[in-house]
């Protein structure tokens, strides 16, 4: 019996050694040599794998830069000096890029959110959204449990009075907060000018319903549209929307902003 056990052990050990040798040979034979440019560029990238560039990881992005000439400027996190080095290594010029800013399309702070029920469920936006919006009357309101804050890898968001507040110095525009929000009220927008104007509301409810559930929501009065001769704003599906391509006259937009009855037009 002992001899049989020893034979089994030695047989298994022998097979393990054989398979290890086969794998070792296969690794050397089938190994694909990576372009050294990819490794060099990958080391210059931030390594956060945020996905804001549209690729799976920083290494994947580096491979596409080398193989396809993808613009290094697609990385919103990389520093200017590193970006310049990447352009030199890859032999391509980085195009113009603007910081992406997360815009929170909700202006209702904690005391302004009308409740219809008390929520005692899991304290996350994802869970609350599945449970009648945590008892908040406005179905478009920020749920305020901070999923976006926890998801941000750079600490650029904090919750204040029931709304996420942005620290522009820390924000890289990776977009994780926007993809995390189950309500979809966080939208990424390129900040091409010193001031960016937007409508801090997502409600498509009727005027009557909006007035019932929110004191700071867009009531589609149309003042912003009537006053903006150049089409700074437009009304669509019971909601005013800013045209971000027409914000080169901030003084005129500020005059319109001051006329908004619910002060829902915000600046960042």
C-alpha atoms as a PDB file:
ATOM      1  CA  UNK A   1       0.000   0.000   0.000  1.00  0.00           C
ATOM      2  CA  UNK A   2       2.834   2.341   0.920  1.00  0.00           C
ATOM      3  CA  UNK A   3       4.605   1.549  -2.340  1.00  0.00           C
ATOM      4  CA  UNK A   4       1.424   2.331  -4.251  1.00  0.00           C
ATOM      5  CA  UNK A   5       1.102   5.708  -2.515  1.00  0.00           C
ATOM      6  CA  UNK A   6       4.740   6.557  -3.198  1.00  0.00           C
ATOM      7  CA  UNK A   7       4.328   5.600  -6.822  1.00  0.00           C
ATOM      8  CA  UNK A   8       1.289   7.867  -7.080  1.00  0.00           C
ATOM      9  CA  UNK A   9       3.134  10.807  -5.488  1.00  0.00           C
ATOM     10  CA  UNK A  10       6.144  10.423  -7.755  1.00  0.00           C
ATOM     11  CA  UNK A  11       3.912  10.046 -10.787  1.00  0.00           C
ATOM     12  CA  UNK A  12       2.050  13.263  -9.976  1.00  0.00           C
ATOM     13  CA  UNK A  13       5.317  15.092  -9.293  1.00  0.00           C
ATOM     14  CA  UNK A  14       6.728  13.836 -12.577  1.00  0.00           C
ATOM     15  CA  UNK A  15       3.675  15.007 -14.490  1.00  0.00           C
ATOM     16  CA  UNK A  16       3.851  18.420 -12.801  1.00  0.00           C
ATOM     17  CA  UNK A  17       7.479  18.813 -13.806  1.00  0.00           C
ATOM     18  CA  UNK A  18       6.703  17.710 -17.351  1.00  0.00           C
ATOM     19  CA  UNK A  19       3.807  20.146 -17.754  1.00  0.00           C
ATOM     20  CA  UNK A  20       5.855  22.972 -16.235  1.00  0.00           C
ATOM     21  CA  UNK A  21       8.612  22.305 -18.737  1.00  0.00           C
ATOM     22  CA  UNK A  22       6.108  22.268 -21.613  1.00  0.00           C
ATOM     23  CA  UNK A  23       4.582  25.567 -20.456  1.00  0.00           C
ATOM     24  CA  UNK A  24       8.029  27.110 -20.093  1.00  0.00           C
ATOM     25  CA  UNK A  25       8.997  26.167 -23.635  1.00  0.00           C
ATOM     26  CA  UNK A  26       5.620  27.316 -24.988  1.00  0.00           C
ATOM     27  CA  UNK A  27       5.984  30.653 -23.220  1.00  0.00           C
ATOM     28  CA  UNK A  28       9.329  31.292 -24.896  1.00  0.00           C
ATOM     29  CA  UNK A  29       8.181  30.070 -28.307  1.00  0.00           C
ATOM     30  CA  UNK A  30       4.842  31.896 -28.333  1.00  0.00           C
ATOM     31  CA  UNK A  31       5.891  35.053 -26.500  1.00  0.00           C
ATOM     32  CA  UNK A  32       5.013  38.207 -28.423  1.00  0.00           C
ATOM     33  CA  UNK A  33       7.660  40.883 -28.154  1.00  0.00           C
ATOM     34  CA  UNK A  34       6.078  44.184 -27.118  1.00  0.00           C
ATOM     35  CA  UNK A  35       7.089  47.396 -28.812  1.00  0.00           C
ATOM     36  CA  UNK A  36       9.333  49.238 -26.322  1.00  0.00           C
ATOM     37  CA  UNK A  37       7.421  52.434 -27.131  1.00  0.00           C
ATOM     38  CA  UNK A  38       4.311  50.924 -25.550  1.00  0.00           C
ATOM     39  CA  UNK A  39       6.154  50.225 -22.305  1.00  0.00           C
ATOM     40  CA  UNK A  40       7.705  53.706 -22.272  1.00  0.00           C
ATOM     41  CA  UNK A  41       4.348  55.412 -22.868  1.00  0.00           C
ATOM     42  CA  UNK A  42       2.594  53.193 -20.336  1.00  0.00           C
ATOM     43  CA  UNK A  43       5.061  54.330 -17.660  1.00  0.00           C
ATOM     44  CA  UNK A  44       4.289  57.971 -18.460  1.00  0.00           C
ATOM     45  CA  UNK A  45       0.535  57.467 -18.175  1.00  0.00           C
ATOM     46  CA  UNK A  46      -1.000  57.877 -14.676  1.00  0.00           C
ATOM     47  CA  UNK A  47      -1.871  54.190 -14.262  1.00  0.00           C
ATOM     48  CA  UNK A  48      -5.300  54.839 -12.745  1.00  0.00           C
ATOM     49  CA  UNK A  49      -7.106  52.893 -15.496  1.00  0.00           C
ATOM     50  CA  UNK A  50     -10.073  55.225 -15.218  1.00  0.00           C
ATOM     51  CA  UNK A  51     -11.286  54.568 -18.758  1.00  0.00           C
ATOM     52  CA  UNK A  52     -11.945  58.241 -19.543  1.00  0.00           C
ATOM     53  CA  UNK A  53      -9.852  57.914 -22.721  1.00  0.00           C
ATOM     54  CA  UNK A  54     -12.251  55.283 -24.024  1.00  0.00           C
ATOM     55  CA  UNK A  55      -9.862  52.332 -23.624  1.00  0.00           C
ATOM     56  CA  UNK A  56      -9.796  49.462 -21.145  1.00  0.00           C
ATOM     57  CA  UNK A  57      -6.650  50.521 -19.295  1.00  0.00           C
ATOM     58  CA  UNK A  58      -3.612  52.794 -19.504  1.00  0.00           C
ATOM     59  CA  UNK A  59      -1.648  49.951 -21.122  1.00  0.00           C
ATOM     60  CA  UNK A  60      -4.397  49.400 -23.684  1.00  0.00           C
ATOM     61  CA  UNK A  61      -4.384  53.136 -24.411  1.00  0.00           C
ATOM     62  CA  UNK A  62      -0.584  53.072 -24.853  1.00  0.00           C
ATOM     63  CA  UNK A  63      -0.884  50.232 -27.358  1.00  0.00           C
ATOM     64  CA  UNK A  64      -3.434  52.174 -29.414  1.00  0.00           C
ATOM     65  CA  UNK A  65      -1.276  55.307 -29.347  1.00  0.00           C
ATOM     66  CA  UNK A  66       1.639  53.368 -30.838  1.00  0.00           C
ATOM     67  CA  UNK A  67      -0.337  51.161 -33.236  1.00  0.00           C
ATOM     68  CA  UNK A  68      -3.016  53.579 -34.434  1.00  0.00           C
ATOM     69  CA  UNK A  69      -1.715  57.047 -33.621  1.00  0.00           C
ATOM     70  CA  UNK A  70      -4.510  57.801 -31.140  1.00  0.00           C
ATOM     71  CA  UNK A  71      -4.249  61.330 -29.741  1.00  0.00           C
ATOM     72  CA  UNK A  72      -2.494  61.272 -26.324  1.00  0.00           C
ATOM     73  CA  UNK A  73      -4.706  64.208 -25.382  1.00  0.00           C
ATOM     74  CA  UNK A  74      -7.568  61.759 -24.882  1.00  0.00           C
ATOM     75  CA  UNK A  75      -6.064  61.089 -21.450  1.00  0.00           C
ATOM     76  CA  UNK A  76      -7.476  63.808 -19.220  1.00  0.00           C
ATOM     77  CA  UNK A  77      -5.361  62.810 -16.236  1.00  0.00           C
ATOM     78  CA  UNK A  78      -1.833  62.875 -17.675  1.00  0.00           C
ATOM     79  CA  UNK A  79       0.271  65.929 -16.836  1.00  0.00           C
ATOM     80  CA  UNK A  80       1.365  68.323 -19.576  1.00  0.00           C
ATOM     81  CA  UNK A  81       5.057  67.373 -19.338  1.00  0.00           C
ATOM     82  CA  UNK A  82       4.283  63.655 -19.553  1.00  0.00           C
ATOM     83  CA  UNK A  83       1.921  64.269 -22.454  1.00  0.00           C
ATOM     84  CA  UNK A  84       4.690  66.073 -24.330  1.00  0.00           C
ATOM     85  CA  UNK A  85       7.054  63.148 -23.780  1.00  0.00           C
ATOM     86  CA  UNK A  86       4.397  60.717 -25.015  1.00  0.00           C
ATOM     87  CA  UNK A  87       4.011  62.777 -28.185  1.00  0.00           C
ATOM     88  CA  UNK A  88       7.767  62.705 -28.700  1.00  0.00           C
ATOM     89  CA  UNK A  89       7.963  58.929 -28.227  1.00  0.00           C
ATOM     90  CA  UNK A  90       4.981  58.185 -30.452  1.00  0.00           C
ATOM     91  CA  UNK A  91       5.900  60.748 -33.087  1.00  0.00           C
ATOM     92  CA  UNK A  92       2.425  62.275 -33.148  1.00  0.00           C
ATOM     93  CA  UNK A  93       1.150  65.664 -32.117  1.00  0.00           C
ATOM     94  CA  UNK A  94      -1.384  65.928 -29.342  1.00  0.00           C
ATOM     95  CA  UNK A  95      -4.546  67.732 -30.365  1.00  0.00           C
ATOM     96  CA  UNK A  96      -6.285  70.454 -28.436  1.00  0.00           C
ATOM     97  CA  UNK A  97      -7.986  69.123 -25.340  1.00  0.00           C
ATOM     98  CA  UNK A  98     -10.239  70.725 -22.758  1.00  0.00           C
ATOM     99  CA  UNK A  99     -10.946  69.643 -19.237  1.00  0.00           C
ATOM    100  CA  UNK A 100     -14.135  67.641 -18.862  1.00  0.00           C
ATOM    101  CA  UNK A 101     -16.281  68.891 -15.995  1.00  0.00           C
ATOM    102  CA  UNK A 102     -19.053  66.883 -14.312  1.00  0.00           C
ATOM    103  CA  UNK A 103     -22.193  69.021 -14.208  1.00  0.00           C
ATOM    104  CA  UNK A 104     -24.773  68.105 -11.577  1.00  0.00           C
ATOM    105  CA  UNK A 105     -28.183  68.679 -13.125  1.00  0.00           C
ATOM    106  CA  UNK A 106     -30.025  69.027  -9.833  1.00  0.00           C
ATOM    107  CA  UNK A 107     -30.109  72.079  -7.575  1.00  0.00           C
ATOM    108  CA  UNK A 108     -32.304  70.785  -4.757  1.00  0.00           C
ATOM    109  CA  UNK A 109     -30.484  70.657  -1.440  1.00  0.00           C
ATOM    110  CA  UNK A 110     -31.634  68.433   1.423  1.00  0.00           C
ATOM    111  CA  UNK A 111     -34.309  70.748   2.820  1.00  0.00           C
ATOM    112  CA  UNK A 112     -35.666  71.457  -0.676  1.00  0.00           C
ATOM    113  CA  UNK A 113     -36.426  67.833  -1.530  1.00  0.00           C
ATOM    114  CA  UNK A 114     -40.078  67.117  -0.802  1.00  0.00           C
ATOM    115  CA  UNK A 115     -40.489  63.700   0.893  1.00  0.00           C
ATOM    116  CA  UNK A 116     -43.390  61.337   0.305  1.00  0.00           C
ATOM    117  CA  UNK A 117     -42.092  58.465   2.438  1.00  0.00           C
ATOM    118  CA  UNK A 118     -39.310  57.580   4.859  1.00  0.00           C
ATOM    119  CA  UNK A 119     -36.504  55.493   3.388  1.00  0.00           C
ATOM    120  CA  UNK A 120     -34.839  52.923   5.650  1.00  0.00           C
ATOM    121  CA  UNK A 121     -33.115  50.802   3.035  1.00  0.00           C
ATOM    122  CA  UNK A 122     -29.472  50.388   2.002  1.00  0.00           C
ATOM    123  CA  UNK A 123     -27.729  53.770   2.019  1.00  0.00           C
ATOM    124  CA  UNK A 124     -26.568  53.858  -1.578  1.00  0.00           C
ATOM    125  CA  UNK A 125     -27.984  55.729  -4.561  1.00  0.00           C
ATOM    126  CA  UNK A 126     -28.179  52.496  -6.549  1.00  0.00           C
ATOM    127  CA  UNK A 127     -30.319  50.759  -3.929  1.00  0.00           C
ATOM    128  CA  UNK A 128     -32.435  53.834  -3.209  1.00  0.00           C
ATOM    129  CA  UNK A 129     -33.184  54.336  -6.883  1.00  0.00           C
ATOM    130  CA  UNK A 130     -34.712  50.861  -6.976  1.00  0.00           C
ATOM    131  CA  UNK A 131     -36.893  51.696  -3.978  1.00  0.00           C
ATOM    132  CA  UNK A 132     -39.100  54.558  -5.124  1.00  0.00           C
ATOM    133  CA  UNK A 133     -36.236  57.084  -5.209  1.00  0.00           C
ATOM    134  CA  UNK A 134     -35.733  56.908  -1.442  1.00  0.00           C
ATOM    135  CA  UNK A 135     -39.114  58.493  -0.829  1.00  0.00           C
ATOM    136  CA  UNK A 136     -38.248  61.759  -2.626  1.00  0.00           C
ATOM    137  CA  UNK A 137     -41.199  63.255  -4.490  1.00  0.00           C
ATOM    138  CA  UNK A 138     -39.139  64.399  -7.489  1.00  0.00           C
ATOM    139  CA  UNK A 139     -38.052  61.326  -9.423  1.00  0.00           C
ATOM    140  CA  UNK A 140     -35.217  63.336 -11.029  1.00  0.00           C
ATOM    141  CA  UNK A 141     -33.622  64.541  -7.798  1.00  0.00           C
ATOM    142  CA  UNK A 142     -30.172  63.663  -6.506  1.00  0.00           C
ATOM    143  CA  UNK A 143     -30.516  60.793  -4.030  1.00  0.00           C
ATOM    144  CA  UNK A 144     -27.629  62.172  -1.939  1.00  0.00           C
ATOM    145  CA  UNK A 145     -26.089  58.893  -0.736  1.00  0.00           C
ATOM    146  CA  UNK A 146     -22.771  59.737  -2.384  1.00  0.00           C
ATOM    147  CA  UNK A 147     -22.130  56.843  -4.775  1.00  0.00           C
ATOM    148  CA  UNK A 148     -20.417  59.350  -7.077  1.00  0.00           C
ATOM    149  CA  UNK A 149     -18.203  60.587  -4.223  1.00  0.00           C
ATOM    150  CA  UNK A 150     -17.058  57.089  -3.332  1.00  0.00           C
ATOM    151  CA  UNK A 151     -16.420  56.211  -6.972  1.00  0.00           C
ATOM    152  CA  UNK A 152     -14.212  59.246  -7.688  1.00  0.00           C
ATOM    153  CA  UNK A 153     -10.575  58.021  -7.570  1.00  0.00           C
ATOM    154  CA  UNK A 154      -9.233  61.551  -7.067  1.00  0.00           C
ATOM    155  CA  UNK A 155     -11.366  62.809  -4.176  1.00  0.00           C
ATOM    156  CA  UNK A 156     -12.766  65.602  -6.339  1.00  0.00           C
ATOM    157  CA  UNK A 157     -16.333  65.316  -5.009  1.00  0.00           C
ATOM    158  CA  UNK A 158     -17.831  65.805  -1.557  1.00  0.00           C
ATOM    159  CA  UNK A 159     -21.450  65.731  -0.435  1.00  0.00           C
ATOM    160  CA  UNK A 160     -22.757  69.041   0.915  1.00  0.00           C
ATOM    161  CA  UNK A 161     -26.392  69.638   1.831  1.00  0.00           C
ATOM    162  CA  UNK A 162     -27.578  66.709  -0.215  1.00  0.00           C
ATOM    163  CA  UNK A 163     -25.646  67.482  -3.409  1.00  0.00           C
ATOM    164  CA  UNK A 164     -22.192  66.535  -4.736  1.00  0.00           C
ATOM    165  CA  UNK A 165     -19.837  69.525  -4.840  1.00  0.00           C
ATOM    166  CA  UNK A 166     -16.866  69.614  -7.202  1.00  0.00           C
ATOM    167  CA  UNK A 167     -13.255  70.540  -6.472  1.00  0.00           C
ATOM    168  CA  UNK A 168     -12.038  71.538  -9.932  1.00  0.00           C
ATOM    169  CA  UNK A 169      -8.400  71.412  -8.872  1.00  0.00           C
ATOM    170  CA  UNK A 170      -8.684  67.704  -8.099  1.00  0.00           C
ATOM    171  CA  UNK A 171     -11.027  66.729 -10.921  1.00  0.00           C
ATOM    172  CA  UNK A 172      -9.454  65.047 -13.943  1.00  0.00           C
ATOM    173  CA  UNK A 173     -12.671  64.564 -15.874  1.00  0.00           C
ATOM    174  CA  UNK A 174     -12.477  60.776 -15.793  1.00  0.00           C
ATOM    175  CA  UNK A 175     -16.280  60.538 -15.831  1.00  0.00           C
ATOM    176  CA  UNK A 176     -16.637  57.783 -13.232  1.00  0.00           C
ATOM    177  CA  UNK A 177     -19.082  59.907 -11.238  1.00  0.00           C
ATOM    178  CA  UNK A 178     -21.334  60.303 -14.274  1.00  0.00           C
ATOM    179  CA  UNK A 179     -21.415  56.604 -15.090  1.00  0.00           C
ATOM    180  CA  UNK A 180     -22.067  55.725 -11.439  1.00  0.00           C
ATOM    181  CA  UNK A 181     -25.088  57.995 -10.911  1.00  0.00           C
ATOM    182  CA  UNK A 182     -28.208  55.813 -11.311  1.00  0.00           C
ATOM    183  CA  UNK A 183     -30.320  58.897 -11.975  1.00  0.00           C
ATOM    184  CA  UNK A 184     -28.061  60.086 -14.781  1.00  0.00           C
ATOM    185  CA  UNK A 185     -28.103  63.642 -13.454  1.00  0.00           C
ATOM    186  CA  UNK A 186     -24.314  64.033 -13.715  1.00  0.00           C
ATOM    187  CA  UNK A 187     -23.194  64.887 -17.243  1.00  0.00           C
ATOM    188  CA  UNK A 188     -19.640  65.408 -18.484  1.00  0.00           C
ATOM    189  CA  UNK A 189     -19.025  68.594 -20.445  1.00  0.00           C
ATOM    190  CA  UNK A 190     -15.845  70.100 -21.893  1.00  0.00           C
ATOM    191  CA  UNK A 191     -15.029  73.439 -20.310  1.00  0.00           C
ATOM    192  CA  UNK A 192     -13.702  75.440 -23.256  1.00  0.00           C
ATOM    193  CA  UNK A 193     -14.089  78.858 -21.686  1.00  0.00           C
ATOM    194  CA  UNK A 194     -13.507  80.483 -18.319  1.00  0.00           C
ATOM    195  CA  UNK A 195     -17.204  80.205 -17.450  1.00  0.00           C
ATOM    196  CA  UNK A 196     -19.543  77.332 -18.222  1.00  0.00           C
ATOM    197  CA  UNK A 197     -23.300  77.910 -17.932  1.00  0.00           C
ATOM    198  CA  UNK A 198     -25.735  75.031 -17.516  1.00  0.00           C
ATOM    199  CA  UNK A 199     -29.258  74.256 -16.314  1.00  0.00           C
ATOM    200  CA  UNK A 200     -29.071  72.523 -12.955  1.00  0.00           C
ATOM    201  CA  UNK A 201     -32.216  70.452 -13.376  1.00  0.00           C
ATOM    202  CA  UNK A 202     -33.137  67.161 -15.055  1.00  0.00           C
ATOM    203  CA  UNK A 203     -36.900  67.160 -14.568  1.00  0.00           C
ATOM    204  CA  UNK A 204     -39.205  66.542 -17.489  1.00  0.00           C
ATOM    205  CA  UNK A 205     -42.311  66.915 -15.325  1.00  0.00           C
ATOM    206  CA  UNK A 206     -45.047  69.397 -16.121  1.00  0.00           C
ATOM    207  CA  UNK A 207     -44.868  72.886 -14.636  1.00  0.00           C
ATOM    208  CA  UNK A 208     -47.581  72.045 -12.087  1.00  0.00           C
ATOM    209  CA  UNK A 209     -45.823  68.867 -10.964  1.00  0.00           C
ATOM    210  CA  UNK A 210     -42.433  70.585 -10.744  1.00  0.00           C
ATOM    211  CA  UNK A 211     -43.845  73.362  -8.568  1.00  0.00           C
ATOM    212  CA  UNK A 212     -45.368  70.751  -6.264  1.00  0.00           C
ATOM    213  CA  UNK A 213     -42.198  68.741  -5.683  1.00  0.00           C
ATOM    214  CA  UNK A 214     -39.327  71.217  -6.116  1.00  0.00           C
ATOM    215  CA  UNK A 215     -38.853  74.916  -5.436  1.00  0.00           C
ATOM    216  CA  UNK A 216     -35.662  75.196  -7.471  1.00  0.00           C
ATOM    217  CA  UNK A 217     -36.483  73.160 -10.574  1.00  0.00           C
ATOM    218  CA  UNK A 218     -36.900  74.429 -14.134  1.00  0.00           C
ATOM    219  CA  UNK A 219     -40.520  75.494 -14.676  1.00  0.00           C
ATOM    220  CA  UNK A 220     -40.116  75.952 -18.457  1.00  0.00           C
ATOM    221  CA  UNK A 221     -41.244  79.568 -18.267  1.00  0.00           C
ATOM    222  CA  UNK A 222     -39.209  80.224 -21.408  1.00  0.00           C
ATOM    223  CA  UNK A 223     -37.637  83.455 -20.196  1.00  0.00           C
ATOM    224  CA  UNK A 224     -34.131  82.173 -20.935  1.00  0.00           C
ATOM    225  CA  UNK A 225     -35.159  81.277 -24.495  1.00  0.00           C
ATOM    226  CA  UNK A 226     -36.980  84.550 -25.165  1.00  0.00           C
ATOM    227  CA  UNK A 227     -34.075  86.632 -23.941  1.00  0.00           C
ATOM    228  CA  UNK A 228     -31.366  84.659 -25.757  1.00  0.00           C
ATOM    229  CA  UNK A 229     -31.544  85.968 -29.310  1.00  0.00           C
ATOM    230  CA  UNK A 230     -28.543  83.865 -30.293  1.00  0.00           C
ATOM    231  CA  UNK A 231     -30.035  80.643 -28.979  1.00  0.00           C
ATOM    232  CA  UNK A 232     -28.096  80.232 -25.757  1.00  0.00           C
ATOM    233  CA  UNK A 233     -30.965  78.082 -24.426  1.00  0.00           C
ATOM    234  CA  UNK A 234     -33.752  75.944 -25.852  1.00  0.00           C
ATOM    235  CA  UNK A 235     -36.797  74.213 -24.384  1.00  0.00           C
ATOM    236  CA  UNK A 236     -37.159  70.494 -24.985  1.00  0.00           C
ATOM    237  CA  UNK A 237     -39.546  68.108 -23.243  1.00  0.00           C
ATOM    238  CA  UNK A 238     -40.420  70.461 -20.352  1.00  0.00           C
ATOM    239  CA  UNK A 239     -36.800  71.372 -19.663  1.00  0.00           C
ATOM    240  CA  UNK A 240     -34.497  74.206 -20.634  1.00  0.00           C
ATOM    241  CA  UNK A 241     -31.121  73.157 -22.029  1.00  0.00           C
ATOM    242  CA  UNK A 242     -27.983  75.219 -22.538  1.00  0.00           C
ATOM    243  CA  UNK A 243     -26.268  75.187 -25.919  1.00  0.00           C
ATOM    244  CA  UNK A 244     -22.617  74.762 -24.908  1.00  0.00           C
ATOM    245  CA  UNK A 245     -21.387  75.746 -28.365  1.00  0.00           C
ATOM    246  CA  UNK A 246     -22.843  79.243 -27.908  1.00  0.00           C
ATOM    247  CA  UNK A 247     -21.243  80.458 -24.704  1.00  0.00           C
ATOM    248  CA  UNK A 248     -18.737  82.957 -26.066  1.00  0.00           C
ATOM    249  CA  UNK A 249     -20.724  85.922 -24.702  1.00  0.00           C
ATOM    250  CA  UNK A 250     -20.800  85.328 -20.929  1.00  0.00           C
ATOM    251  CA  UNK A 251     -21.988  88.864 -20.121  1.00  0.00           C
ATOM    252  CA  UNK A 252     -25.204  88.347 -22.086  1.00  0.00           C
ATOM    253  CA  UNK A 253     -25.803  84.926 -20.548  1.00  0.00           C
ATOM    254  CA  UNK A 254     -25.298  86.343 -17.063  1.00  0.00           C
ATOM    255  CA  UNK A 255     -28.105  88.846 -17.728  1.00  0.00           C
ATOM    256  CA  UNK A 256     -30.383  85.974 -18.709  1.00  0.00           C
ATOM    257  CA  UNK A 257     -29.216  83.978 -15.697  1.00  0.00           C
ATOM    258  CA  UNK A 258     -30.293  86.812 -13.386  1.00  0.00           C
ATOM    259  CA  UNK A 259     -33.828  86.732 -14.848  1.00  0.00           C
ATOM    260  CA  UNK A 260     -34.404  83.012 -14.189  1.00  0.00           C
ATOM    261  CA  UNK A 261     -37.221  82.865 -11.574  1.00  0.00           C
ATOM    262  CA  UNK A 262     -35.970  79.674  -9.902  1.00  0.00           C
ATOM    263  CA  UNK A 263     -32.241  80.516 -10.319  1.00  0.00           C
ATOM    264  CA  UNK A 264     -31.675  77.123 -11.924  1.00  0.00           C
ATOM    265  CA  UNK A 265     -29.095  78.428 -14.418  1.00  0.00           C
ATOM    266  CA  UNK A 266     -25.723  77.820 -12.765  1.00  0.00           C
ATOM    267  CA  UNK A 267     -22.118  78.757 -13.556  1.00  0.00           C
ATOM    268  CA  UNK A 268     -18.982  76.737 -13.019  1.00  0.00           C
END
